[in-house]
Amino acid sequence: MLSYIDERVSNFIERLRIIENEDVEIEETEDERRARELILHSPQHAGEGVSQADIDAMLSGDDSEGSAESDQADIDKLFD
């Protein structure tokens, strides 16, 4: 189970392309910094992301299938 979790986390980090060396300074212009901060602190763009209704349905367990596989598929959709 731990290997599975490690694989999932590693895959997630790879998708985010997180730099492992935090000492590396990233040069960005003031406009780039502002754009990055606005994305981090703003609502998602229209038509993108996962709706709150989808998340609520997933967490409430109200799906008709109710299997572990369908639950995992719902979680995987969040990271696609």
Protein backbone atom coordinates (compact mmCIF):
# COMPACT_ATOMS: atom_id res chain seq x y z
CA MET A 1 0.00 0.00 0.00
CA LEU A 2 2.85 2.41 0.84
CA SER A 3 4.45 1.75 -2.54
CA TYR A 4 1.16 2.59 -4.23
CA ILE A 5 0.87 5.86 -2.27
CA ASP A 6 4.50 6.73 -3.02
CA GLU A 7 3.91 6.10 -6.72
CA ARG A 8 0.78 8.28 -6.74
CA VAL A 9 2.49 11.15 -4.89
CA SER A 10 5.56 10.94 -7.14
CA ASN A 11 3.33 11.01 -10.22
CA PHE A 12 1.46 14.03 -8.83
CA ILE A 13 4.70 15.90 -8.11
CA GLU A 14 6.01 15.09 -11.57
CA ARG A 15 2.82 16.48 -13.12
CA LEU A 16 3.25 19.68 -11.12
CA ARG A 17 6.89 19.83 -12.17
CA ILE A 18 7.97 20.90 -8.69
CA ILE A 19 11.64 21.84 -8.53
CA GLU A 20 13.30 19.64 -5.94
CA ASN A 21 16.07 22.12 -5.16
CA GLU A 22 14.35 24.97 -3.35
CA ASP A 23 17.58 27.01 -3.30
CA VAL A 24 17.27 27.74 -7.01
CA GLU A 25 16.04 31.27 -7.57
CA ILE A 26 13.49 31.66 -10.33
CA GLU A 27 13.71 34.93 -12.18
CA GLU A 28 10.37 36.44 -13.08
CA THR A 29 9.20 39.86 -14.07
CA GLU A 30 6.79 41.85 -11.95
CA ASP A 31 4.01 41.06 -14.46
CA GLU A 32 4.77 37.33 -14.28
CA ARG A 33 4.77 37.42 -10.48
CA ARG A 34 1.43 39.24 -10.42
CA ALA A 35 -0.11 36.80 -12.92
CA ARG A 36 1.11 33.84 -10.84
CA GLU A 37 -0.27 35.29 -7.63
CA LEU A 38 -3.61 36.10 -9.23
CA ILE A 39 -3.94 32.52 -10.44
CA LEU A 40 -3.08 31.15 -7.00
CA HIS A 41 -5.59 33.36 -5.20
CA SER A 42 -8.39 33.66 -7.71
CA PRO A 43 -11.27 31.43 -8.70
CA GLN A 44 -10.72 28.94 -11.49
CA HIS A 45 -11.24 30.03 -15.07
CA ALA A 46 -14.69 29.39 -16.56
CA GLY A 47 -15.04 25.86 -17.91
CA GLU A 48 -11.87 24.62 -16.17
CA GLY A 49 -11.28 22.62 -13.05
CA VAL A 50 -13.73 20.63 -10.98
CA SER A 51 -17.04 22.06 -9.84
CA GLN A 52 -17.92 22.23 -6.17
CA ALA A 53 -20.96 20.04 -6.91
CA ASP A 54 -18.65 17.31 -8.27
CA ILE A 55 -16.49 17.45 -5.15
CA ASP A 56 -19.52 17.44 -2.85
CA ALA A 57 -20.98 14.40 -4.64
CA MET A 58 -17.66 12.56 -4.44
CA LEU A 59 -17.23 13.25 -0.72
CA SER A 60 -20.84 12.47 0.21
CA GLY A 61 -20.62 9.02 -1.38
CA ASP A 62 -23.86 9.55 -3.28
CA ASP A 63 -22.68 7.88 -6.48
CA SER A 64 -24.79 4.98 -7.65
CA GLU A 65 -21.86 2.60 -8.18
CA GLY A 66 -20.35 2.99 -4.73
CA SER A 67 -17.31 0.85 -5.46
CA ALA A 68 -13.71 1.59 -4.51
CA GLU A 69 -12.78 1.62 -8.20
CA SER A 70 -15.36 4.29 -9.01
CA ASP A 71 -14.25 6.34 -5.99
CA GLN A 72 -10.63 6.16 -7.20
CA ALA A 73 -11.72 7.11 -10.72
CA ASP A 74 -13.46 10.19 -9.30
CA ILE A 75 -10.31 11.18 -7.43
CA ASP A 76 -8.18 10.60 -10.54
CA LYS A 77 -10.42 13.01 -12.49
CA LEU A 78 -9.34 15.79 -10.12
CA PHE A 79 -5.73 15.43 -11.30
CA ASP A 80 -6.25 15.07 -15.05
